[in-house]
Amino acid sequence: MNAENRDAELPQAPGGATPPSASRRRLFRGVAGGAGVLLSVHAKTALGTAVCKSPSAILSGNTSPRIGLPTSTCSGGRSPGFWKVPQKFTYWPSGCNYASFHVNVNTCSTGMQGLKLSDVKNHGTRLSEVFPGASSTYGLWAILAFPNDCGGQLLRHLTAAYLNAKTFKTAGQQYPLTEAQVIDIWRQLNNGGIYCPSSMMGACGSSGWTAQQVISYIEGLYGINAEVPSDPALCKR
C-alpha cells in the first residue's frame, strides 16, 4: 500500500501519536531573507512531540502550527485513501457532498468495493464549486478515487487538504491550512506557476514550491494528530 492510498488504519505510537514517516521528514527548499534554505516539514518540540506547520510558518521559522494561533495543536488530517472509501463518508464535513452511485454500496464493508467512475450517479459537490477552473463534470469524491481521470494528483491532494481544513478546526486538532489557503494554492499552481504563501508574496522569488513540492508537503502531514471517533456501528442489527 502506498502513501497515497493508505486508509484510516495508521499505526499508532505510544500515547496515540502517529510515528513520523519518511515523507514527513522531507526537506523543502524555501526562502528566508532572500536566500535559499532547507526547511523540514516535520519538526520536533523540546518534548519530542510531532509538529506540523503551515507553509508560512515553515518558511518564516515560526513555531506555531499556523501563524496567529500559537496555542493550537496541529493536525495533519487524513489522506485521500481515507476520504474516498464509502465507510468513511460519515466523516465528510458539512457543505461537502460525496458521490452517490447506481450500484448498491455496503457501508459496513471496508475499501472501495470495486466501485468504478462509471458507477457514479450523482457527483455531489463539483470540483469547480471549490477550485476555480477545475472540472465542472467531476466531484470531490471522483478526484480522490480516480485522479488520473479527473484532474491529477495535485487536485487530489488539495481536495483532501480542503476536507481536512473543514474537519480539523479545534484547538486540539488544527489543520495548518485554511480552506481559503488551499484554494489559493490551487489558483497559483493551476496555470503552471509556483506557490508562495500570500503573506510572503515578493519574498519567494523563484524559490516558491512547485506542484510536486506542495503534494509532498500535504502527503507528509497525513496522520499527524488526526485521530477521529470510532466508526459508527453501521452493521449492528
C-alpha atoms as a PDB file:
ATOM      1  CA  MET A   1       0.000   0.000   0.000  1.00  0.00           C
ATOM      2  CA  ASN A   2       1.491   3.347  -0.949  1.00  0.00           C
ATOM      3  CA  ALA A   3       1.222   6.686   0.822  1.00  0.00           C
ATOM      4  CA  GLU A   4      -1.497   7.943  -1.495  1.00  0.00           C
ATOM      5  CA  ASN A   5      -3.830   5.013  -0.877  1.00  0.00           C
ATOM      6  CA  ARG A   6      -3.301   4.270   2.788  1.00  0.00           C
ATOM      7  CA  ASP A   7      -6.578   4.198   4.695  1.00  0.00           C
ATOM      8  CA  ALA A   8      -7.575   5.349   8.130  1.00  0.00           C
ATOM      9  CA  GLU A   9      -5.904   2.496   9.986  1.00  0.00           C
ATOM     10  CA  LEU A  10      -2.474   4.042  10.508  1.00  0.00           C
ATOM     11  CA  PRO A  11      -0.059   2.500  13.026  1.00  0.00           C
ATOM     12  CA  GLN A  12      -0.107   4.302  16.336  1.00  0.00           C
ATOM     13  CA  ALA A  13       2.863   5.107  18.516  1.00  0.00           C
ATOM     14  CA  PRO A  14       2.687   5.079  22.305  1.00  0.00           C
ATOM     15  CA  GLY A  15       0.401   7.779  23.633  1.00  0.00           C
ATOM     16  CA  GLY A  16      -1.640   7.865  20.418  1.00  0.00           C
ATOM     17  CA  ALA A  17       0.948   9.748  18.356  1.00  0.00           C
ATOM     18  CA  THR A  18       1.466   8.580  14.797  1.00  0.00           C
ATOM     19  CA  PRO A  19       5.101   7.655  14.110  1.00  0.00           C
ATOM     20  CA  PRO A  20       6.861  10.052  11.734  1.00  0.00           C
ATOM     21  CA  SER A  21       7.264   8.642   8.236  1.00  0.00           C
ATOM     22  CA  ALA A  22       9.960   9.333   5.704  1.00  0.00           C
ATOM     23  CA  SER A  23       7.585  11.565   3.783  1.00  0.00           C
ATOM     24  CA  ARG A  24       7.046  13.720   6.879  1.00  0.00           C
ATOM     25  CA  ARG A  25      10.773  14.313   7.066  1.00  0.00           C
ATOM     26  CA  ARG A  26      11.045  15.562   3.500  1.00  0.00           C
ATOM     27  CA  LEU A  27      13.043  18.730   3.114  1.00  0.00           C
ATOM     28  CA  PHE A  28      11.926  21.682   1.074  1.00  0.00           C
ATOM     29  CA  ARG A  29      13.960  24.472  -0.372  1.00  0.00           C
ATOM     30  CA  GLY A  30      12.355  27.667   0.780  1.00  0.00           C
ATOM     31  CA  VAL A  31      13.265  31.300   1.200  1.00  0.00           C
ATOM     32  CA  ALA A  32      14.374  33.160   4.270  1.00  0.00           C
ATOM     33  CA  GLY A  33      15.708  36.652   3.890  1.00  0.00           C
ATOM     34  CA  GLY A  34      16.023  36.076   0.140  1.00  0.00           C
ATOM     35  CA  ALA A  35      18.431  33.133   0.482  1.00  0.00           C
ATOM     36  CA  GLY A  36      17.508  29.506  -0.205  1.00  0.00           C
ATOM     37  CA  VAL A  37      17.488  27.323   2.900  1.00  0.00           C
ATOM     38  CA  LEU A  38      16.462  23.753   3.657  1.00  0.00           C
ATOM     39  CA  LEU A  39      13.322  23.567   5.746  1.00  0.00           C
ATOM     40  CA  SER A  40      11.930  20.428   7.371  1.00  0.00           C
ATOM     41  CA  VAL A  41       8.210  19.793   7.116  1.00  0.00           C
ATOM     42  CA  HIS A  42       8.311  17.549  10.175  1.00  0.00           C
ATOM     43  CA  ALA A  43       9.771  19.141  13.280  1.00  0.00           C
ATOM     44  CA  LYS A  44      10.072  18.231  16.951  1.00  0.00           C
ATOM     45  CA  THR A  45       9.372  20.310  20.017  1.00  0.00           C
ATOM     46  CA  ALA A  46      11.621  20.180  23.047  1.00  0.00           C
ATOM     47  CA  LEU A  47       9.319  17.475  24.413  1.00  0.00           C
ATOM     48  CA  GLY A  48       9.632  15.362  21.288  1.00  0.00           C
ATOM     49  CA  THR A  49       6.014  15.884  20.214  1.00  0.00           C
ATOM     50  CA  ALA A  50       5.294  15.793  16.483  1.00  0.00           C
ATOM     51  CA  VAL A  51       4.610  19.212  14.996  1.00  0.00           C
ATOM     52  CA  CYS A  52       3.060  20.089  11.664  1.00  0.00           C
ATOM     53  CA  LYS A  53       3.057  23.626  10.360  1.00  0.00           C
ATOM     54  CA  SER A  54       1.687  25.783   7.581  1.00  0.00           C
ATOM     55  CA  PRO A  55       3.919  26.773   4.650  1.00  0.00           C
ATOM     56  CA  SER A  56       4.108  30.314   6.045  1.00  0.00           C
ATOM     57  CA  ALA A  57       5.189  29.027   9.446  1.00  0.00           C
ATOM     58  CA  ILE A  58       7.783  26.754   7.868  1.00  0.00           C
ATOM     59  CA  LEU A  59       9.245  29.490   5.696  1.00  0.00           C
ATOM     60  CA  SER A  60       9.267  32.073   8.481  1.00  0.00           C
ATOM     61  CA  GLY A  61      10.645  29.740  11.139  1.00  0.00           C
ATOM     62  CA  ASN A  62       7.586  30.351  13.319  1.00  0.00           C
ATOM     63  CA  THR A  63       6.988  27.553  15.842  1.00  0.00           C
ATOM     64  CA  SER A  64       3.184  27.829  15.799  1.00  0.00           C
ATOM     65  CA  PRO A  65       1.162  25.367  13.674  1.00  0.00           C
ATOM     66  CA  ARG A  66      -0.476  28.312  11.950  1.00  0.00           C
ATOM     67  CA  ILE A  67       0.740  31.875  12.342  1.00  0.00           C
ATOM     68  CA  GLY A  68      -1.617  33.719  14.674  1.00  0.00           C
ATOM     69  CA  LEU A  69      -2.712  30.565  16.525  1.00  0.00           C
ATOM     70  CA  PRO A  70       0.146  29.907  18.964  1.00  0.00           C
ATOM     71  CA  THR A  71      -1.973  27.837  21.371  1.00  0.00           C
ATOM     72  CA  SER A  72      -3.324  25.430  18.764  1.00  0.00           C
ATOM     73  CA  THR A  73      -2.136  21.855  18.338  1.00  0.00           C
ATOM     74  CA  CYS A  74      -1.612  20.999  14.705  1.00  0.00           C
ATOM     75  CA  SER A  75      -3.347  18.112  12.964  1.00  0.00           C
ATOM     76  CA  GLY A  76      -2.118  16.786   9.632  1.00  0.00           C
ATOM     77  CA  GLY A  77      -5.522  15.447   8.627  1.00  0.00           C
ATOM     78  CA  ARG A  78      -6.401  12.296   6.705  1.00  0.00           C
ATOM     79  CA  SER A  79      -5.307  11.008   3.308  1.00  0.00           C
ATOM     80  CA  PRO A  80      -7.289  10.603   0.066  1.00  0.00           C
ATOM     81  CA  GLY A  81      -7.412   6.895   0.883  1.00  0.00           C
ATOM     82  CA  PHE A  82      -9.443   7.734   3.982  1.00  0.00           C
ATOM     83  CA  TRP A  83     -11.835  10.215   2.404  1.00  0.00           C
ATOM     84  CA  LYS A  84     -12.666   8.131  -0.677  1.00  0.00           C
ATOM     85  CA  VAL A  85     -13.958   4.928   0.938  1.00  0.00           C
ATOM     86  CA  PRO A  86     -17.752   4.728   1.497  1.00  0.00           C
ATOM     87  CA  GLN A  87     -17.326   3.585   5.097  1.00  0.00           C
ATOM     88  CA  LYS A  88     -15.783   6.978   5.885  1.00  0.00           C
ATOM     89  CA  PHE A  89     -18.466   9.095   4.193  1.00  0.00           C
ATOM     90  CA  THR A  90     -19.916   9.825   7.622  1.00  0.00           C
ATOM     91  CA  TYR A  91     -16.824  11.951   8.342  1.00  0.00           C
ATOM     92  CA  TRP A  92     -17.259  14.260   5.348  1.00  0.00           C
ATOM     93  CA  PRO A  93     -17.700  17.831   6.623  1.00  0.00           C
ATOM     94  CA  SER A  94     -20.849  19.873   6.198  1.00  0.00           C
ATOM     95  CA  GLY A  95     -21.036  21.588   2.818  1.00  0.00           C
ATOM     96  CA  CYS A  96     -19.070  18.877   1.022  1.00  0.00           C
ATOM     97  CA  ASN A  97     -21.234  16.205  -0.584  1.00  0.00           C
ATOM     98  CA  TYR A  98     -19.796  12.843  -1.602  1.00  0.00           C
ATOM     99  CA  ALA A  99     -20.980  10.921  -4.643  1.00  0.00           C
ATOM    100  CA  SER A 100     -23.974   8.607  -4.884  1.00  0.00           C
ATOM    101  CA  PHE A 101     -23.949   5.502  -7.062  1.00  0.00           C
ATOM    102  CA  HIS A 102     -26.046   3.439  -9.460  1.00  0.00           C
ATOM    103  CA  VAL A 103     -24.898   0.302  -7.632  1.00  0.00           C
ATOM    104  CA  ASN A 104     -25.501  -0.708  -4.036  1.00  0.00           C
ATOM    105  CA  VAL A 105     -22.740   0.337  -1.650  1.00  0.00           C
ATOM    106  CA  ASN A 106     -22.332  -1.566   1.595  1.00  0.00           C
ATOM    107  CA  THR A 107     -21.169   0.907   4.206  1.00  0.00           C
ATOM    108  CA  CYS A 108     -20.465  -1.997   6.561  1.00  0.00           C
ATOM    109  CA  SER A 109     -17.605  -3.106   4.295  1.00  0.00           C
ATOM    110  CA  THR A 110     -14.162  -1.575   4.051  1.00  0.00           C
ATOM    111  CA  GLY A 111     -12.368  -0.474   0.902  1.00  0.00           C
ATOM    112  CA  MET A 112     -13.696   0.690  -2.446  1.00  0.00           C
ATOM    113  CA  GLN A 113     -15.820  -2.427  -3.100  1.00  0.00           C
ATOM    114  CA  GLY A 114     -14.919  -2.380  -6.776  1.00  0.00           C
ATOM    115  CA  LEU A 115     -16.526   0.998  -7.433  1.00  0.00           C
ATOM    116  CA  LYS A 116     -15.795   2.496 -10.837  1.00  0.00           C
ATOM    117  CA  LEU A 117     -16.094   6.051 -12.080  1.00  0.00           C
ATOM    118  CA  SER A 118     -18.934   4.903 -14.327  1.00  0.00           C
ATOM    119  CA  ASP A 119     -20.868   3.794 -11.217  1.00  0.00           C
ATOM    120  CA  VAL A 120     -21.360   7.412 -10.104  1.00  0.00           C
ATOM    121  CA  LYS A 121     -24.992   8.530 -10.238  1.00  0.00           C
ATOM    122  CA  ASN A 122     -24.523  11.976  -8.727  1.00  0.00           C
ATOM    123  CA  HIS A 123     -21.083  13.522  -8.289  1.00  0.00           C
ATOM    124  CA  GLY A 124     -22.015  15.539  -5.217  1.00  0.00           C
ATOM    125  CA  THR A 125     -20.003  18.733  -4.743  1.00  0.00           C
ATOM    126  CA  ARG A 126     -18.333  19.521  -8.060  1.00  0.00           C
ATOM    127  CA  LEU A 127     -14.658  20.365  -8.228  1.00  0.00           C
ATOM    128  CA  SER A 128     -15.439  23.700  -9.890  1.00  0.00           C
ATOM    129  CA  GLU A 129     -17.552  24.685  -6.858  1.00  0.00           C
ATOM    130  CA  VAL A 130     -14.398  24.659  -4.725  1.00  0.00           C
ATOM    131  CA  PHE A 131     -11.476  25.107  -7.124  1.00  0.00           C
ATOM    132  CA  PRO A 132     -11.955  27.808  -9.794  1.00  0.00           C
ATOM    133  CA  GLY A 133     -11.182  26.488 -13.264  1.00  0.00           C
ATOM    134  CA  ALA A 134     -11.357  22.835 -12.222  1.00  0.00           C
ATOM    135  CA  SER A 135     -13.767  20.323 -13.756  1.00  0.00           C
ATOM    136  CA  SER A 136     -17.489  21.017 -13.543  1.00  0.00           C
ATOM    137  CA  THR A 137     -18.155  17.405 -14.545  1.00  0.00           C
ATOM    138  CA  TYR A 138     -16.471  15.538 -11.708  1.00  0.00           C
ATOM    139  CA  GLY A 139     -16.910  15.909  -7.968  1.00  0.00           C
ATOM    140  CA  LEU A 140     -14.652  15.895  -4.932  1.00  0.00           C
ATOM    141  CA  TRP A 141     -15.093  12.155  -4.456  1.00  0.00           C
ATOM    142  CA  ALA A 142     -14.135  11.374  -8.062  1.00  0.00           C
ATOM    143  CA  ILE A 143     -10.787  13.178  -7.865  1.00  0.00           C
ATOM    144  CA  LEU A 144      -9.954  11.386  -4.616  1.00  0.00           C
ATOM    145  CA  ALA A 145     -10.750   7.981  -6.088  1.00  0.00           C
ATOM    146  CA  PHE A 146      -9.767   8.409  -9.752  1.00  0.00           C
ATOM    147  CA  PRO A 147      -7.231  11.252 -10.008  1.00  0.00           C
ATOM    148  CA  ASN A 148      -5.818  10.183 -13.363  1.00  0.00           C
ATOM    149  CA  ASP A 149      -9.260  10.547 -14.954  1.00  0.00           C
ATOM    150  CA  CYS A 150     -10.474  13.655 -13.176  1.00  0.00           C
ATOM    151  CA  GLY A 151      -7.708  16.215 -12.800  1.00  0.00           C
ATOM    152  CA  GLY A 152      -4.450  14.766 -11.491  1.00  0.00           C
ATOM    153  CA  GLN A 153      -2.550  14.262  -8.246  1.00  0.00           C
ATOM    154  CA  LEU A 154      -2.241  17.923  -7.241  1.00  0.00           C
ATOM    155  CA  LEU A 155      -6.000  18.376  -7.255  1.00  0.00           C
ATOM    156  CA  ARG A 156      -6.420  15.046  -5.459  1.00  0.00           C
ATOM    157  CA  HIS A 157      -4.239  16.074  -2.530  1.00  0.00           C
ATOM    158  CA  LEU A 158      -5.633  19.605  -2.438  1.00  0.00           C
ATOM    159  CA  THR A 159      -9.112  18.084  -2.201  1.00  0.00           C
ATOM    160  CA  ALA A 160      -8.003  16.001   0.769  1.00  0.00           C
ATOM    161  CA  ALA A 161      -6.442  19.156   2.241  1.00  0.00           C
ATOM    162  CA  TYR A 162      -9.705  21.044   1.745  1.00  0.00           C
ATOM    163  CA  LEU A 163     -11.699  18.336   3.541  1.00  0.00           C
ATOM    164  CA  ASN A 164      -9.100  18.323   6.312  1.00  0.00           C
ATOM    165  CA  ALA A 165      -9.265  22.106   6.653  1.00  0.00           C
ATOM    166  CA  LYS A 166     -13.034  21.907   7.087  1.00  0.00           C
ATOM    167  CA  THR A 167     -12.857  18.969   9.511  1.00  0.00           C
ATOM    168  CA  PHE A 168      -9.903  19.592  11.815  1.00  0.00           C
ATOM    169  CA  LYS A 169     -10.722  23.027  13.228  1.00  0.00           C
ATOM    170  CA  THR A 170     -10.472  22.674  17.004  1.00  0.00           C
ATOM    171  CA  ALA A 171      -7.627  23.931  19.166  1.00  0.00           C
ATOM    172  CA  GLY A 172      -6.602  20.325  19.817  1.00  0.00           C
ATOM    173  CA  GLN A 173      -6.657  19.373  16.125  1.00  0.00           C
ATOM    174  CA  GLN A 174      -5.990  22.439  13.965  1.00  0.00           C
ATOM    175  CA  TYR A 175      -5.188  21.773  10.308  1.00  0.00           C
ATOM    176  CA  PRO A 176      -2.310  24.061   9.254  1.00  0.00           C
ATOM    177  CA  LEU A 177      -4.120  25.384   6.177  1.00  0.00           C
ATOM    178  CA  THR A 178      -7.478  27.147   5.968  1.00  0.00           C
ATOM    179  CA  GLU A 179      -9.937  26.392   3.170  1.00  0.00           C
ATOM    180  CA  ALA A 180      -9.047  29.746   1.591  1.00  0.00           C
ATOM    181  CA  GLN A 181      -5.323  28.923   1.665  1.00  0.00           C
ATOM    182  CA  VAL A 182      -5.924  25.562  -0.016  1.00  0.00           C
ATOM    183  CA  ILE A 183      -7.844  27.311  -2.787  1.00  0.00           C
ATOM    184  CA  ASP A 184      -5.082  29.923  -3.087  1.00  0.00           C
ATOM    185  CA  ILE A 185      -2.517  27.145  -3.627  1.00  0.00           C
ATOM    186  CA  TRP A 186      -4.679  25.839  -6.463  1.00  0.00           C
ATOM    187  CA  ARG A 187      -5.020  29.293  -8.028  1.00  0.00           C
ATOM    188  CA  GLN A 188      -1.260  29.821  -8.013  1.00  0.00           C
ATOM    189  CA  LEU A 189      -0.343  26.381  -9.360  1.00  0.00           C
ATOM    190  CA  ASN A 190      -3.205  25.711 -11.773  1.00  0.00           C
ATOM    191  CA  ASN A 191      -1.571  27.521 -14.654  1.00  0.00           C
ATOM    192  CA  GLY A 192       1.885  26.093 -14.112  1.00  0.00           C
ATOM    193  CA  GLY A 193       3.173  28.655 -11.647  1.00  0.00           C
ATOM    194  CA  ILE A 194       4.866  28.162  -8.276  1.00  0.00           C
ATOM    195  CA  TYR A 195       3.321  28.570  -4.855  1.00  0.00           C
ATOM    196  CA  CYS A 196       4.282  31.320  -2.430  1.00  0.00           C
ATOM    197  CA  PRO A 197       2.164  31.988   0.682  1.00  0.00           C
ATOM    198  CA  SER A 198       0.213  35.215   0.260  1.00  0.00           C
ATOM    199  CA  SER A 199       1.789  36.644   3.414  1.00  0.00           C
ATOM    200  CA  MET A 200       5.216  36.258   1.800  1.00  0.00           C
ATOM    201  CA  MET A 201       4.462  37.469  -1.708  1.00  0.00           C
ATOM    202  CA  GLY A 202       7.543  39.146  -3.148  1.00  0.00           C
ATOM    203  CA  ALA A 203       9.885  37.202  -0.866  1.00  0.00           C
ATOM    204  CA  CYS A 204       9.771  33.780  -2.521  1.00  0.00           C
ATOM    205  CA  GLY A 205      11.146  34.775  -5.916  1.00  0.00           C
ATOM    206  CA  SER A 206      11.845  31.657  -7.960  1.00  0.00           C
ATOM    207  CA  SER A 207      12.162  29.504  -4.843  1.00  0.00           C
ATOM    208  CA  GLY A 208       8.450  29.003  -4.243  1.00  0.00           C
ATOM    209  CA  TRP A 209       7.061  25.483  -4.134  1.00  0.00           C
ATOM    210  CA  THR A 210       6.280  23.544  -7.276  1.00  0.00           C
ATOM    211  CA  ALA A 211       3.172  21.375  -7.575  1.00  0.00           C
ATOM    212  CA  GLN A 212       5.198  18.307  -6.627  1.00  0.00           C
ATOM    213  CA  GLN A 213       6.625  20.016  -3.552  1.00  0.00           C
ATOM    214  CA  VAL A 214       3.122  21.001  -2.451  1.00  0.00           C
ATOM    215  CA  ILE A 215       1.976  17.396  -2.923  1.00  0.00           C
ATOM    216  CA  SER A 216       4.924  16.186  -0.840  1.00  0.00           C
ATOM    217  CA  TYR A 217       4.145  18.738   1.877  1.00  0.00           C
ATOM    218  CA  ILE A 218       0.479  17.698   2.113  1.00  0.00           C
ATOM    219  CA  GLU A 219       1.376  13.990   1.994  1.00  0.00           C
ATOM    220  CA  GLY A 220       3.876  14.486   4.781  1.00  0.00           C
ATOM    221  CA  LEU A 221       1.157  15.797   7.091  1.00  0.00           C
ATOM    222  CA  TYR A 222      -1.235  12.862   6.789  1.00  0.00           C
ATOM    223  CA  GLY A 223      -1.971  11.105  10.048  1.00  0.00           C
ATOM    224  CA  ILE A 224      -0.259  13.537  12.426  1.00  0.00           C
ATOM    225  CA  ASN A 225      -2.602  14.028  15.399  1.00  0.00           C
ATOM    226  CA  ALA A 226      -5.531  13.105  13.145  1.00  0.00           C
ATOM    227  CA  GLU A 227      -7.446  10.593  15.211  1.00  0.00           C
ATOM    228  CA  VAL A 228     -11.173  10.501  14.513  1.00  0.00           C
ATOM    229  CA  PRO A 229     -14.002   8.962  16.567  1.00  0.00           C
ATOM    230  CA  SER A 230     -14.592   5.260  16.110  1.00  0.00           C
ATOM    231  CA  ASP A 231     -16.559   4.321  13.028  1.00  0.00           C
ATOM    232  CA  PRO A 232     -20.306   4.242  13.742  1.00  0.00           C
ATOM    233  CA  ALA A 233     -21.769   0.839  14.486  1.00  0.00           C
ATOM    234  CA  LEU A 234     -23.207   0.642  10.993  1.00  0.00           C
ATOM    235  CA  CYS A 235     -23.590  -3.120  10.981  1.00  0.00           C
ATOM    236  CA  LYS A 236     -25.337  -3.634  14.309  1.00  0.00           C
ATOM    237  CA  ARG A 237     -28.817  -5.052  13.971  1.00  0.00           C
END
